[in-house]
Amino acid sequence: MFGVVVCPRCHRAKGVDLSKKTTTCSCGFAIRIVPARIRLRVGTERELIEAVRRVSADLAGGLSEYERAVQPRRKTRIAEVHARVAATAMKAGDRAHRVRAAAIELSKELEVFSYQDLREVLVALGIQDIDASLDDLLRANVVYEPRQGFYRMITPAP
């Protein structure tokens, strides 16, 4: 059985094996487990990691924020993604900038986008020559093709 205790000196949460008598905090303080207040009890080490995170967030006063952050994200509808990308790319300057902005925004939204995704966005922007636009993006090293029919933005080196 495992549990989470809080160091009385530095007030950090620490995961411990409850069969042990003492543990040492990262601040150097020796914590006796038996008289210490056990905040959470869990059965496995995998659960212990999450328990330490929850107690740390609770100590910092942001447990509700943490729970909201770890919830799985809602899947957005692809049509909504295309509309958002087209609206963002419409603000760019000329045709070349709009095509580049569309590719960058698609990569941000979908990470890997298909030819059909790019086609829908470019048609919404009023650009009919999808193949030439895609060739321009590939030649300019804005996107690459990790597998047939799918594209990803090339991230610049730091």
C-alpha atoms as a PDB file:
ATOM      1  CA  MET A   1       0.000   0.000   0.000  1.00  0.00           C
ATOM      2  CA  PHE A   2       1.238   3.468  -0.868  1.00  0.00           C
ATOM      3  CA  GLY A   3       0.263   6.911   0.335  1.00  0.00           C
ATOM      4  CA  VAL A   4       0.930  10.620   0.059  1.00  0.00           C
ATOM      5  CA  VAL A   5       2.331  12.628   2.981  1.00  0.00           C
ATOM      6  CA  VAL A   6       3.195  16.313   3.194  1.00  0.00           C
ATOM      7  CA  CYS A   7       6.582  17.460   4.482  1.00  0.00           C
ATOM      8  CA  PRO A   8       6.110  19.629   7.595  1.00  0.00           C
ATOM      9  CA  ARG A   9       9.143  21.752   6.707  1.00  0.00           C
ATOM     10  CA  CYS A  10       8.729  22.585   2.992  1.00  0.00           C
ATOM     11  CA  HIS A  11       5.034  21.610   2.568  1.00  0.00           C
ATOM     12  CA  ARG A  12       5.619  19.463  -0.527  1.00  0.00           C
ATOM     13  CA  ALA A  13       3.672  16.301  -1.252  1.00  0.00           C
ATOM     14  CA  LYS A  14       5.681  13.089  -1.315  1.00  0.00           C
ATOM     15  CA  GLY A  15       4.676   9.585  -2.304  1.00  0.00           C
ATOM     16  CA  VAL A  16       5.694   6.900   0.189  1.00  0.00           C
ATOM     17  CA  ASP A  17       5.516   3.167   0.733  1.00  0.00           C
ATOM     18  CA  LEU A  18       3.375   2.799   3.866  1.00  0.00           C
ATOM     19  CA  SER A  19       5.223  -0.346   4.965  1.00  0.00           C
ATOM     20  CA  LYS A  20       8.346   1.788   5.654  1.00  0.00           C
ATOM     21  CA  LYS A  21       8.905   3.709   8.888  1.00  0.00           C
ATOM     22  CA  THR A  22      10.589   6.872   7.550  1.00  0.00           C
ATOM     23  CA  THR A  23      11.246   8.719   4.330  1.00  0.00           C
ATOM     24  CA  THR A  24      13.398  11.685   3.439  1.00  0.00           C
ATOM     25  CA  CYS A  25      11.949  14.728   1.698  1.00  0.00           C
ATOM     26  CA  SER A  26      13.857  16.437  -1.111  1.00  0.00           C
ATOM     27  CA  CYS A  27      14.515  19.319   1.317  1.00  0.00           C
ATOM     28  CA  GLY A  28      16.413  16.882   3.576  1.00  0.00           C
ATOM     29  CA  PHE A  29      13.839  16.553   6.355  1.00  0.00           C
ATOM     30  CA  ALA A  30      13.272  13.015   7.694  1.00  0.00           C
ATOM     31  CA  ILE A  31       9.543  12.305   7.848  1.00  0.00           C
ATOM     32  CA  ARG A  32       8.284   9.574  10.172  1.00  0.00           C
ATOM     33  CA  ILE A  33       5.427   7.932   8.313  1.00  0.00           C
ATOM     34  CA  VAL A  34       3.528   6.407  11.243  1.00  0.00           C
ATOM     35  CA  PRO A  35       2.530   9.653  13.029  1.00  0.00           C
ATOM     36  CA  ALA A  36       2.306  11.644   9.768  1.00  0.00           C
ATOM     37  CA  ARG A  37      -1.101  12.384   8.306  1.00  0.00           C
ATOM     38  CA  ILE A  38      -1.649  10.300   5.172  1.00  0.00           C
ATOM     39  CA  ARG A  39      -3.447  12.527   2.654  1.00  0.00           C
ATOM     40  CA  LEU A  40      -4.328   9.776   0.151  1.00  0.00           C
ATOM     41  CA  ARG A  41      -3.939   6.002   0.102  1.00  0.00           C
ATOM     42  CA  VAL A  42      -3.529   4.079  -3.155  1.00  0.00           C
ATOM     43  CA  GLY A  43      -2.782   0.496  -4.093  1.00  0.00           C
ATOM     44  CA  THR A  44      -0.145   0.771  -6.830  1.00  0.00           C
ATOM     45  CA  GLU A  45       2.808   2.952  -7.733  1.00  0.00           C
ATOM     46  CA  ARG A  46       1.092   4.066 -10.931  1.00  0.00           C
ATOM     47  CA  GLU A  47      -1.808   5.436  -8.914  1.00  0.00           C
ATOM     48  CA  LEU A  48       0.689   7.026  -6.514  1.00  0.00           C
ATOM     49  CA  ILE A  49       2.022   9.349  -9.220  1.00  0.00           C
ATOM     50  CA  GLU A  50      -1.441  10.746  -9.900  1.00  0.00           C
ATOM     51  CA  ALA A  51      -2.175  10.982  -6.168  1.00  0.00           C
ATOM     52  CA  VAL A  52       0.955  13.076  -5.555  1.00  0.00           C
ATOM     53  CA  ARG A  53      -0.056  15.381  -8.416  1.00  0.00           C
ATOM     54  CA  ARG A  54      -3.554  15.834  -6.978  1.00  0.00           C
ATOM     55  CA  VAL A  55      -2.306  16.554  -3.456  1.00  0.00           C
ATOM     56  CA  SER A  56       0.297  19.003  -4.791  1.00  0.00           C
ATOM     57  CA  ALA A  57      -2.392  20.817  -6.759  1.00  0.00           C
ATOM     58  CA  ASP A  58      -4.641  20.869  -3.700  1.00  0.00           C
ATOM     59  CA  LEU A  59      -1.846  22.335  -1.561  1.00  0.00           C
ATOM     60  CA  ALA A  60      -1.250  25.035  -4.172  1.00  0.00           C
ATOM     61  CA  GLY A  61      -4.968  25.860  -4.193  1.00  0.00           C
ATOM     62  CA  GLY A  62      -5.601  24.814  -7.769  1.00  0.00           C
ATOM     63  CA  LEU A  63      -7.207  21.375  -7.565  1.00  0.00           C
ATOM     64  CA  SER A  64     -10.172  22.404  -9.696  1.00  0.00           C
ATOM     65  CA  GLU A  65      -7.820  23.858 -12.329  1.00  0.00           C
ATOM     66  CA  TYR A  66      -5.783  20.643 -12.310  1.00  0.00           C
ATOM     67  CA  GLU A  67      -8.869  18.461 -12.707  1.00  0.00           C
ATOM     68  CA  ARG A  68     -10.018  20.578 -15.633  1.00  0.00           C
ATOM     69  CA  ALA A  69      -6.574  20.308 -17.253  1.00  0.00           C
ATOM     70  CA  VAL A  70      -6.376  16.516 -17.009  1.00  0.00           C
ATOM     71  CA  GLN A  71      -9.844  15.899 -18.414  1.00  0.00           C
ATOM     72  CA  PRO A  72      -9.723  14.458 -21.916  1.00  0.00           C
ATOM     73  CA  ARG A  73     -10.291  17.070 -24.581  1.00  0.00           C
ATOM     74  CA  ARG A  74     -13.492  17.159 -26.535  1.00  0.00           C
ATOM     75  CA  LYS A  75     -13.132  16.149 -30.122  1.00  0.00           C
ATOM     76  CA  THR A  76     -13.887  19.122 -32.308  1.00  0.00           C
ATOM     77  CA  ARG A  77     -15.779  18.645 -35.494  1.00  0.00           C
ATOM     78  CA  ILE A  78     -13.605  18.779 -38.580  1.00  0.00           C
ATOM     79  CA  ALA A  79     -15.979  21.235 -40.281  1.00  0.00           C
ATOM     80  CA  GLU A  80     -15.486  23.649 -37.385  1.00  0.00           C
ATOM     81  CA  VAL A  81     -11.716  23.268 -37.720  1.00  0.00           C
ATOM     82  CA  HIS A  82     -11.871  24.075 -41.447  1.00  0.00           C
ATOM     83  CA  ALA A  83     -14.008  27.151 -40.793  1.00  0.00           C
ATOM     84  CA  ARG A  84     -11.647  28.412 -38.059  1.00  0.00           C
ATOM     85  CA  VAL A  85      -8.585  27.847 -40.224  1.00  0.00           C
ATOM     86  CA  ALA A  86     -10.183  29.590 -43.209  1.00  0.00           C
ATOM     87  CA  ALA A  87     -11.195  32.561 -41.054  1.00  0.00           C
ATOM     88  CA  THR A  88      -7.657  32.901 -39.688  1.00  0.00           C
ATOM     89  CA  ALA A  89      -5.986  32.479 -43.085  1.00  0.00           C
ATOM     90  CA  MET A  90      -8.326  35.039 -44.669  1.00  0.00           C
ATOM     91  CA  LYS A  91      -6.604  37.767 -42.631  1.00  0.00           C
ATOM     92  CA  ALA A  92      -3.224  37.085 -44.282  1.00  0.00           C
ATOM     93  CA  GLY A  93      -2.068  39.291 -47.139  1.00  0.00           C
ATOM     94  CA  ASP A  94      -1.805  37.968 -50.681  1.00  0.00           C
ATOM     95  CA  ARG A  95      -2.590  34.485 -52.048  1.00  0.00           C
ATOM     96  CA  ALA A  96       0.787  32.962 -51.098  1.00  0.00           C
ATOM     97  CA  HIS A  97       0.508  34.198 -47.528  1.00  0.00           C
ATOM     98  CA  ARG A  98      -3.063  32.892 -47.231  1.00  0.00           C
ATOM     99  CA  VAL A  99      -1.983  29.426 -48.445  1.00  0.00           C
ATOM    100  CA  ARG A 100       0.951  29.381 -46.025  1.00  0.00           C
ATOM    101  CA  ALA A 101      -1.249  30.583 -43.142  1.00  0.00           C
ATOM    102  CA  ALA A 102      -3.815  27.878 -43.959  1.00  0.00           C
ATOM    103  CA  ALA A 103      -1.130  25.164 -43.834  1.00  0.00           C
ATOM    104  CA  ILE A 104       0.295  26.475 -40.569  1.00  0.00           C
ATOM    105  CA  GLU A 105      -3.130  26.722 -38.909  1.00  0.00           C
ATOM    106  CA  LEU A 106      -4.125  23.248 -40.126  1.00  0.00           C
ATOM    107  CA  SER A 107      -0.948  21.882 -38.581  1.00  0.00           C
ATOM    108  CA  LYS A 108      -1.726  23.633 -35.305  1.00  0.00           C
ATOM    109  CA  GLU A 109      -5.273  22.291 -35.222  1.00  0.00           C
ATOM    110  CA  LEU A 110      -4.801  18.771 -36.606  1.00  0.00           C
ATOM    111  CA  GLU A 111      -1.013  18.265 -36.461  1.00  0.00           C
ATOM    112  CA  VAL A 112      -1.162  16.015 -39.549  1.00  0.00           C
ATOM    113  CA  PHE A 113      -3.649  17.124 -42.189  1.00  0.00           C
ATOM    114  CA  SER A 114      -4.816  15.450 -45.367  1.00  0.00           C
ATOM    115  CA  TYR A 115      -5.073  16.698 -48.925  1.00  0.00           C
ATOM    116  CA  GLN A 116      -8.857  16.895 -48.441  1.00  0.00           C
ATOM    117  CA  ASP A 117      -8.462  19.117 -45.371  1.00  0.00           C
ATOM    118  CA  LEU A 118      -6.234  21.517 -47.308  1.00  0.00           C
ATOM    119  CA  ARG A 119      -8.599  21.451 -50.291  1.00  0.00           C
ATOM    120  CA  GLU A 120     -11.623  22.378 -48.142  1.00  0.00           C
ATOM    121  CA  VAL A 121      -9.813  25.303 -46.536  1.00  0.00           C
ATOM    122  CA  LEU A 122      -8.398  26.619 -49.816  1.00  0.00           C
ATOM    123  CA  VAL A 123     -11.800  26.391 -51.531  1.00  0.00           C
ATOM    124  CA  ALA A 124     -13.282  28.360 -48.607  1.00  0.00           C
ATOM    125  CA  LEU A 125     -10.560  30.966 -49.225  1.00  0.00           C
ATOM    126  CA  GLY A 126     -11.476  31.127 -52.916  1.00  0.00           C
ATOM    127  CA  ILE A 127      -8.270  29.436 -54.148  1.00  0.00           C
ATOM    128  CA  GLN A 128      -9.081  26.862 -56.818  1.00  0.00           C
ATOM    129  CA  ASP A 129      -5.611  25.591 -57.777  1.00  0.00           C
ATOM    130  CA  ILE A 130      -4.958  23.247 -54.850  1.00  0.00           C
ATOM    131  CA  ASP A 131      -2.215  21.170 -56.499  1.00  0.00           C
ATOM    132  CA  ALA A 132      -0.108  24.222 -57.392  1.00  0.00           C
ATOM    133  CA  SER A 133      -0.571  25.650 -53.897  1.00  0.00           C
ATOM    134  CA  LEU A 134       0.521  22.365 -52.342  1.00  0.00           C
ATOM    135  CA  ASP A 135       3.560  22.203 -54.633  1.00  0.00           C
ATOM    136  CA  ASP A 136       4.497  25.740 -53.570  1.00  0.00           C
ATOM    137  CA  LEU A 137       4.296  24.713 -49.907  1.00  0.00           C
ATOM    138  CA  LEU A 138       6.408  21.616 -50.484  1.00  0.00           C
ATOM    139  CA  ARG A 139       9.054  23.527 -52.496  1.00  0.00           C
ATOM    140  CA  ALA A 140       9.215  26.298 -49.881  1.00  0.00           C
ATOM    141  CA  ASN A 141       9.759  23.667 -47.135  1.00  0.00           C
ATOM    142  CA  VAL A 142       6.723  24.801 -45.179  1.00  0.00           C
ATOM    143  CA  VAL A 143       5.236  21.293 -45.081  1.00  0.00           C
ATOM    144  CA  TYR A 144       6.429  17.772 -45.770  1.00  0.00           C
ATOM    145  CA  GLU A 145       4.655  14.524 -46.542  1.00  0.00           C
ATOM    146  CA  PRO A 146       5.243  11.941 -43.783  1.00  0.00           C
ATOM    147  CA  ARG A 147       3.013   9.458 -45.624  1.00  0.00           C
ATOM    148  CA  GLN A 148       1.101   9.441 -48.866  1.00  0.00           C
ATOM    149  CA  GLY A 149      -1.652  12.087 -48.910  1.00  0.00           C
ATOM    150  CA  PHE A 150      -0.921  13.526 -45.452  1.00  0.00           C
ATOM    151  CA  TYR A 151       1.114  16.613 -44.620  1.00  0.00           C
ATOM    152  CA  ARG A 152       2.754  18.156 -41.586  1.00  0.00           C
ATOM    153  CA  MET A 153       4.348  21.529 -40.958  1.00  0.00           C
ATOM    154  CA  ILE A 154       8.136  21.670 -40.710  1.00  0.00           C
ATOM    155  CA  THR A 155       9.063  23.143 -37.347  1.00  0.00           C
ATOM    156  CA  PRO A 156      11.944  25.615 -37.435  1.00  0.00           C
ATOM    157  CA  ALA A 157      15.132  24.745 -35.558  1.00  0.00           C
ATOM    158  CA  PRO A 158      15.538  26.572 -32.212  1.00  0.00           C
END
